Amino acid sequence: MAKQQSISRGQRFRDVQVGSFGQPGPEWIVDAIFICTDSLTYAYLVSGRDLTQRKTLSLDILGDRQRFVEV
């Protein structure tokens, strides 16, 4: 596994997958960091375009440069 970078509240990440019609992937803002009952650390994310869209990802996934890049 790659060295874990420091991820904190307020950081912005973009999905590296190109969206429809070549548009860049959506931007996500880290709203909170927490440790779940499975002992993994997760980031609670909010969409930069639509604040009603939210999702949760492990920090391992969010820190994977093949999936997300910091904006």
PDB file of N, CA and C in Angstrom:
ATOM      1  N   MET A   1       0.848  -1.185   0.000  1.00  0.00           N
ATOM      2  CA  MET A   1       0.000   0.000   0.000  1.00  0.00           C
ATOM      3  C   MET A   1       0.889   1.243   0.000  1.00  0.00           C
ATOM      4  N   ALA A   2       0.456   2.265  -0.704  1.00  0.00           N
ATOM      5  CA  ALA A   2       1.202   3.529  -0.782  1.00  0.00           C
ATOM      6  C   ALA A   2       1.130   4.269   0.544  1.00  0.00           C
ATOM      7  N   LYS A   3       2.081   5.142   0.749  1.00  0.00           N
ATOM      8  CA  LYS A   3       2.106   5.958   1.958  1.00  0.00           C
ATOM      9  C   LYS A   3       0.857   6.833   2.014  1.00  0.00           C
ATOM     10  N   GLN A   4       0.182   6.825   3.162  1.00  0.00           N
ATOM     11  CA  GLN A   4      -1.049   7.582   3.338  1.00  0.00           C
ATOM     12  C   GLN A   4      -0.730   9.070   3.474  1.00  0.00           C
ATOM     13  N   GLN A   5      -1.375   9.887   2.667  1.00  0.00           N
ATOM     14  CA  GLN A   5      -1.211  11.329   2.784  1.00  0.00           C
ATOM     15  C   GLN A   5      -2.184  11.841   3.840  1.00  0.00           C
ATOM     16  N   SER A   6      -1.934  13.021   4.322  1.00  0.00           N
ATOM     17  CA  SER A   6      -2.816  13.623   5.305  1.00  0.00           C
ATOM     18  C   SER A   6      -4.033  14.228   4.598  1.00  0.00           C
ATOM     19  N   ILE A   7      -5.204  13.788   4.997  1.00  0.00           N
ATOM     20  CA  ILE A   7      -6.449  14.311   4.434  1.00  0.00           C
ATOM     21  C   ILE A   7      -7.220  14.957   5.573  1.00  0.00           C
ATOM     22  N   SER A   8      -7.698  16.185   5.338  1.00  0.00           N
ATOM     23  CA  SER A   8      -8.401  16.899   6.403  1.00  0.00           C
ATOM     24  C   SER A   8      -9.639  17.607   5.862  1.00  0.00           C
ATOM     25  N   ARG A   9     -10.457  18.071   6.786  1.00  0.00           N
ATOM     26  CA  ARG A   9     -11.707  18.753   6.461  1.00  0.00           C
ATOM     27  C   ARG A   9     -11.424  19.968   5.579  1.00  0.00           C
ATOM     28  N   GLY A  10     -12.261  20.136   4.553  1.00  0.00           N
ATOM     29  CA  GLY A  10     -12.139  21.282   3.662  1.00  0.00           C
ATOM     30  C   GLY A  10     -11.352  21.009   2.386  1.00  0.00           C
ATOM     31  N   GLN A  11     -10.576  19.926   2.362  1.00  0.00           N
ATOM     32  CA  GLN A  11      -9.834  19.603   1.144  1.00  0.00           C
ATOM     33  C   GLN A  11     -10.807  19.209   0.038  1.00  0.00           C
ATOM     34  N   ARG A  12     -10.394  19.468  -1.197  1.00  0.00           N
ATOM     35  CA  ARG A  12     -11.225  19.154  -2.363  1.00  0.00           C
ATOM     36  C   ARG A  12     -10.512  18.118  -3.222  1.00  0.00           C
ATOM     37  N   PHE A  13     -11.298  17.160  -3.710  1.00  0.00           N
ATOM     38  CA  PHE A  13     -10.770  16.098  -4.548  1.00  0.00           C
ATOM     39  C   PHE A  13     -11.648  15.958  -5.779  1.00  0.00           C
ATOM     40  N   ARG A  14     -11.028  15.517  -6.870  1.00  0.00           N
ATOM     41  CA  ARG A  14     -11.760  15.297  -8.114  1.00  0.00           C
ATOM     42  C   ARG A  14     -11.532  13.853  -8.542  1.00  0.00           C
ATOM     43  N   ASP A  15     -12.609  13.209  -8.969  1.00  0.00           N
ATOM     44  CA  ASP A  15     -12.544  11.865  -9.515  1.00  0.00           C
ATOM     45  C   ASP A  15     -11.745  11.922 -10.810  1.00  0.00           C
ATOM     46  N   VAL A  16     -10.752  11.056 -10.991  1.00  0.00           N
ATOM     47  CA  VAL A  16      -9.923  11.106 -12.199  1.00  0.00           C
ATOM     48  C   VAL A  16     -10.640  10.546 -13.421  1.00  0.00           C
ATOM     49  N   GLN A  17     -11.718   9.808 -13.234  1.00  0.00           N
ATOM     50  CA  GLN A  17     -12.484   9.282 -14.357  1.00  0.00           C
ATOM     51  C   GLN A  17     -13.164  10.434 -15.091  1.00  0.00           C
ATOM     52  N   VAL A  18     -13.015  10.450 -16.403  1.00  0.00           N
ATOM     53  CA  VAL A  18     -13.655  11.483 -17.210  1.00  0.00           C
ATOM     54  C   VAL A  18     -15.136  11.154 -17.318  1.00  0.00           C
ATOM     55  N   GLY A  19     -15.974  12.170 -17.145  1.00  0.00           N
ATOM     56  CA  GLY A  19     -17.416  11.981 -17.183  1.00  0.00           C
ATOM     57  C   GLY A  19     -17.962  11.997 -18.597  1.00  0.00           C
ATOM     58  N   SER A  20     -19.241  12.157 -18.700  1.00  0.00           N
ATOM     59  CA  SER A  20     -19.927  12.198 -19.993  1.00  0.00           C
ATOM     60  C   SER A  20     -19.399  13.325 -20.858  1.00  0.00           C
ATOM     61  N   PHE A  21     -19.235  13.046 -22.131  1.00  0.00           N
ATOM     62  CA  PHE A  21     -18.802  14.032 -23.123  1.00  0.00           C
ATOM     63  C   PHE A  21     -17.461  14.668 -22.777  1.00  0.00           C
ATOM     64  N   GLY A  22     -16.595  13.920 -22.086  1.00  0.00           N
ATOM     65  CA  GLY A  22     -15.251  14.398 -21.782  1.00  0.00           C
ATOM     66  C   GLY A  22     -15.164  15.398 -20.645  1.00  0.00           C
ATOM     67  N   GLN A  23     -16.248  15.603 -19.933  1.00  0.00           N
ATOM     68  CA  GLN A  23     -16.239  16.530 -18.798  1.00  0.00           C
ATOM     69  C   GLN A  23     -15.379  15.966 -17.675  1.00  0.00           C
ATOM     70  N   PRO A  24     -14.685  16.820 -16.917  1.00  0.00           N
ATOM     71  CA  PRO A  24     -13.910  16.317 -15.780  1.00  0.00           C
ATOM     72  C   PRO A  24     -14.841  15.716 -14.735  1.00  0.00           C
ATOM     73  N   GLY A  25     -14.301  14.792 -13.954  1.00  0.00           N
ATOM     74  CA  GLY A  25     -15.088  14.161 -12.895  1.00  0.00           C
ATOM     75  C   GLY A  25     -15.555  15.183 -11.879  1.00  0.00           C
ATOM     76  N   PRO A  26     -16.564  14.820 -11.097  1.00  0.00           N
ATOM     77  CA  PRO A  26     -17.089  15.760 -10.104  1.00  0.00           C
ATOM     78  C   PRO A  26     -16.079  16.064  -8.997  1.00  0.00           C
ATOM     79  N   GLU A  27     -16.226  17.235  -8.417  1.00  0.00           N
ATOM     80  CA  GLU A  27     -15.368  17.664  -7.312  1.00  0.00           C
ATOM     81  C   GLU A  27     -16.093  17.374  -5.996  1.00  0.00           C
ATOM     82  N   TRP A  28     -15.349  16.823  -5.029  1.00  0.00           N
ATOM     83  CA  TRP A  28     -15.912  16.488  -3.727  1.00  0.00           C
ATOM     84  C   TRP A  28     -15.132  17.204  -2.639  1.00  0.00           C
ATOM     85  N   ILE A  29     -15.841  17.698  -1.619  1.00  0.00           N
ATOM     86  CA  ILE A  29     -15.247  18.436  -0.502  1.00  0.00           C
ATOM     87  C   ILE A  29     -15.338  17.571   0.749  1.00  0.00           C
ATOM     88  N   VAL A  30     -14.216  17.434   1.466  1.00  0.00           N
ATOM     89  CA  VAL A  30     -14.215  16.657   2.706  1.00  0.00           C
ATOM     90  C   VAL A  30     -14.940  17.460   3.775  1.00  0.00           C
ATOM     91  N   ASP A  31     -16.050  16.907   4.266  1.00  0.00           N
ATOM     92  CA  ASP A  31     -16.845  17.581   5.288  1.00  0.00           C
ATOM     93  C   ASP A  31     -16.484  17.097   6.691  1.00  0.00           C
ATOM     94  N   ALA A  32     -16.105  15.829   6.816  1.00  0.00           N
ATOM     95  CA  ALA A  32     -15.740  15.278   8.118  1.00  0.00           C
ATOM     96  C   ALA A  32     -14.899  14.024   7.913  1.00  0.00           C
ATOM     97  N   ILE A  33     -14.085  13.720   8.931  1.00  0.00           N
ATOM     98  CA  ILE A  33     -13.275  12.502   8.969  1.00  0.00           C
ATOM     99  C   ILE A  33     -13.701  11.744  10.225  1.00  0.00           C
ATOM    100  N   PHE A  34     -13.895  10.424  10.089  1.00  0.00           N
ATOM    101  CA  PHE A  34     -14.295   9.649  11.263  1.00  0.00           C
ATOM    102  C   PHE A  34     -13.789   8.214  11.158  1.00  0.00           C
ATOM    103  N   ILE A  35     -13.684   7.559  12.309  1.00  0.00           N
ATOM    104  CA  ILE A  35     -13.312   6.144  12.369  1.00  0.00           C
ATOM    105  C   ILE A  35     -14.587   5.359  12.635  1.00  0.00           C
ATOM    106  N   CYS A  36     -14.846   4.387  11.791  1.00  0.00           N
ATOM    107  CA  CYS A  36     -16.069   3.593  11.875  1.00  0.00           C
ATOM    108  C   CYS A  36     -15.844   2.383  12.793  1.00  0.00           C
ATOM    109  N   THR A  37     -16.908   1.637  13.027  1.00  0.00           N
ATOM    110  CA  THR A  37     -16.827   0.459  13.892  1.00  0.00           C
ATOM    111  C   THR A  37     -15.947  -0.636  13.307  1.00  0.00           C
ATOM    112  N   ASP A  38     -15.640  -0.581  12.016  1.00  0.00           N
ATOM    113  CA  ASP A  38     -14.746  -1.560  11.398  1.00  0.00           C
ATOM    114  C   ASP A  38     -13.272  -1.152  11.536  1.00  0.00           C
ATOM    115  N   SER A  39     -13.016  -0.095  12.304  1.00  0.00           N
ATOM    116  CA  SER A  39     -11.676   0.434  12.598  1.00  0.00           C
ATOM    117  C   SER A  39     -11.002   1.117  11.409  1.00  0.00           C
ATOM    118  N   LEU A  40     -11.720   1.336  10.320  1.00  0.00           N
ATOM    119  CA  LEU A  40     -11.184   2.072   9.181  1.00  0.00           C
ATOM    120  C   LEU A  40     -11.562   3.544   9.298  1.00  0.00           C
ATOM    121  N   THR A  41     -10.733   4.405   8.713  1.00  0.00           N
ATOM    122  CA  THR A  41     -11.007   5.841   8.740  1.00  0.00           C
ATOM    123  C   THR A  41     -11.667   6.243   7.426  1.00  0.00           C
ATOM    124  N   TYR A  42     -12.736   7.010   7.538  1.00  0.00           N
ATOM    125  CA  TYR A  42     -13.537   7.411   6.392  1.00  0.00           C
ATOM    126  C   TYR A  42     -13.637   8.925   6.297  1.00  0.00           C
ATOM    127  N   ALA A  43     -13.933   9.395   5.076  1.00  0.00           N
ATOM    128  CA  ALA A  43     -14.209  10.809   4.830  1.00  0.00           C
ATOM    129  C   ALA A  43     -15.657  10.930   4.390  1.00  0.00           C
ATOM    130  N   TYR A  44     -16.365  11.850   5.001  1.00  0.00           N
ATOM    131  CA  TYR A  44     -17.729  12.176   4.611  1.00  0.00           C
ATOM    132  C   TYR A  44     -17.605  13.319   3.617  1.00  0.00           C
ATOM    133  N   LEU A  45     -18.064  13.104   2.371  1.00  0.00           N
ATOM    134  CA  LEU A  45     -17.856  14.059   1.292  1.00  0.00           C
ATOM    135  C   LEU A  45     -19.151  14.731   0.848  1.00  0.00           C
ATOM    136  N   VAL A  46     -19.027  15.984   0.402  1.00  0.00           N
ATOM    137  CA  VAL A  46     -20.142  16.757  -0.129  1.00  0.00           C
ATOM    138  C   VAL A  46     -19.766  17.198  -1.537  1.00  0.00           C
ATOM    139  N   SER A  47     -20.702  17.117  -2.463  1.00  0.00           N
ATOM    140  CA  SER A  47     -20.444  17.521  -3.840  1.00  0.00           C
ATOM    141  C   SER A  47     -20.189  19.020  -3.911  1.00  0.00           C
ATOM    142  N   GLY A  48     -19.202  19.408  -4.715  1.00  0.00           N
ATOM    143  CA  GLY A  48     -18.909  20.825  -4.922  1.00  0.00           C
ATOM    144  C   GLY A  48     -19.956  21.516  -5.781  1.00  0.00           C
ATOM    145  N   ARG A  49     -20.714  20.748  -6.561  1.00  0.00           N
ATOM    146  CA  ARG A  49     -21.755  21.302  -7.437  1.00  0.00           C
ATOM    147  C   ARG A  49     -23.121  21.360  -6.771  1.00  0.00           C
ATOM    148  N   ASP A  50     -23.427  20.342  -5.973  1.00  0.00           N
ATOM    149  CA  ASP A  50     -24.759  20.209  -5.384  1.00  0.00           C
ATOM    150  C   ASP A  50     -24.598  19.736  -3.946  1.00  0.00           C
ATOM    151  N   LEU A  51     -24.763  20.645  -3.000  1.00  0.00           N
ATOM    152  CA  LEU A  51     -24.517  20.329  -1.593  1.00  0.00           C
ATOM    153  C   LEU A  51     -25.462  19.282  -1.019  1.00  0.00           C
ATOM    154  N   THR A  52     -26.490  18.896  -1.775  1.00  0.00           N
ATOM    155  CA  THR A  52     -27.386  17.841  -1.302  1.00  0.00           C
ATOM    156  C   THR A  52     -26.836  16.453  -1.634  1.00  0.00           C
ATOM    157  N   GLN A  53     -25.836  16.378  -2.512  1.00  0.00           N
ATOM    158  CA  GLN A  53     -25.219  15.093  -2.854  1.00  0.00           C
ATOM    159  C   GLN A  53     -24.068  14.833  -1.894  1.00  0.00           C
ATOM    160  N   ARG A  54     -24.128  13.680  -1.250  1.00  0.00           N
ATOM    161  CA  ARG A  54     -23.116  13.320  -0.262  1.00  0.00           C
ATOM    162  C   ARG A  54     -22.724  11.859  -0.440  1.00  0.00           C
ATOM    163  N   LYS A  55     -21.498  11.533  -0.019  1.00  0.00           N
ATOM    164  CA  LYS A  55     -21.079  10.143  -0.012  1.00  0.00           C
ATOM    165  C   LYS A  55     -19.954   9.961   0.992  1.00  0.00           C
ATOM    166  N   THR A  56     -19.694   8.713   1.322  1.00  0.00           N
ATOM    167  CA  THR A  56     -18.657   8.358   2.279  1.00  0.00           C
ATOM    168  C   THR A  56     -17.666   7.424   1.595  1.00  0.00           C
ATOM    169  N   LEU A  57     -16.372   7.724   1.730  1.00  0.00           N
ATOM    170  CA  LEU A  57     -15.310   6.892   1.171  1.00  0.00           C
ATOM    171  C   LEU A  57     -14.235   6.682   2.223  1.00  0.00           C
ATOM    172  N   SER A  58     -13.578   5.535   2.170  1.00  0.00           N
ATOM    173  CA  SER A  58     -12.444   5.316   3.068  1.00  0.00           C
ATOM    174  C   SER A  58     -11.302   6.235   2.629  1.00  0.00           C
ATOM    175  N   LEU A  59     -10.446   6.590   3.565  1.00  0.00           N
ATOM    176  CA  LEU A  59      -9.303   7.446   3.225  1.00  0.00           C
ATOM    177  C   LEU A  59      -8.353   6.722   2.285  1.00  0.00           C
ATOM    178  N   ASP A  60      -8.313   5.388   2.348  1.00  0.00           N
ATOM    179  CA  ASP A  60      -7.476   4.632   1.414  1.00  0.00           C
ATOM    180  C   ASP A  60      -7.936   4.855  -0.023  1.00  0.00           C
ATOM    181  N   ILE A  61      -9.230   4.861  -0.257  1.00  0.00           N
ATOM    182  CA  ILE A  61      -9.770   5.080  -1.607  1.00  0.00           C
ATOM    183  C   ILE A  61      -9.565   6.533  -2.021  1.00  0.00           C
ATOM    184  N   LEU A  62      -9.884   7.464  -1.135  1.00  0.00           N
ATOM    185  CA  LEU A  62      -9.749   8.883  -1.456  1.00  0.00           C
ATOM    186  C   LEU A  62      -8.292   9.261  -1.709  1.00  0.00           C
ATOM    187  N   GLY A  63      -7.373   8.604  -1.031  1.00  0.00           N
ATOM    188  CA  GLY A  63      -5.949   8.889  -1.201  1.00  0.00           C
ATOM    189  C   GLY A  63      -5.305   8.167  -2.370  1.00  0.00           C
ATOM    190  N   ASP A  64      -6.053   7.314  -3.061  1.00  0.00           N
ATOM    191  CA  ASP A  64      -5.528   6.566  -4.200  1.00  0.00           C
ATOM    192  C   ASP A  64      -5.467   7.478  -5.423  1.00  0.00           C
ATOM    193  N   ARG A  65      -4.248   7.819  -5.884  1.00  0.00           N
ATOM    194  CA  ARG A  65      -4.065   8.756  -6.992  1.00  0.00           C
ATOM    195  C   ARG A  65      -4.572   8.199  -8.331  1.00  0.00           C
ATOM    196  N   GLN A  66      -4.871   6.921  -8.401  1.00  0.00           N
ATOM    197  CA  GLN A  66      -5.459   6.359  -9.617  1.00  0.00           C
ATOM    198  C   GLN A  66      -6.977   6.568  -9.636  1.00  0.00           C
ATOM    199  N   ARG A  67      -7.529   7.025  -8.525  1.00  0.00           N
ATOM    200  CA  ARG A  67      -8.973   7.256  -8.433  1.00  0.00           C
ATOM    201  C   ARG A  67      -9.331   8.718  -8.205  1.00  0.00           C
ATOM    202  N   PHE A  68      -8.562   9.407  -7.344  1.00  0.00           N
ATOM    203  CA  PHE A  68      -8.866  10.798  -7.008  1.00  0.00           C
ATOM    204  C   PHE A  68      -7.588  11.627  -6.977  1.00  0.00           C
ATOM    205  N   VAL A  69      -7.722  12.903  -7.343  1.00  0.00           N
ATOM    206  CA  VAL A  69      -6.603  13.846  -7.216  1.00  0.00           C
ATOM    207  C   VAL A  69      -7.084  15.051  -6.418  1.00  0.00           C
ATOM    208  N   GLU A  70      -6.163  15.620  -5.647  1.00  0.00           N
ATOM    209  CA  GLU A  70      -6.519  16.815  -4.873  1.00  0.00           C
ATOM    210  C   GLU A  70      -6.614  17.999  -5.821  1.00  0.00           C
ATOM    211  N   VAL A  71      -7.627  18.833  -5.609  1.00  0.00           N
ATOM    212  CA  VAL A  71      -7.848  20.011  -6.452  1.00  0.00           C
ATOM    213  C   VAL A  71      -7.116  21.180  -5.848  1.00  0.00           C
TER     214      VAL A  71
END
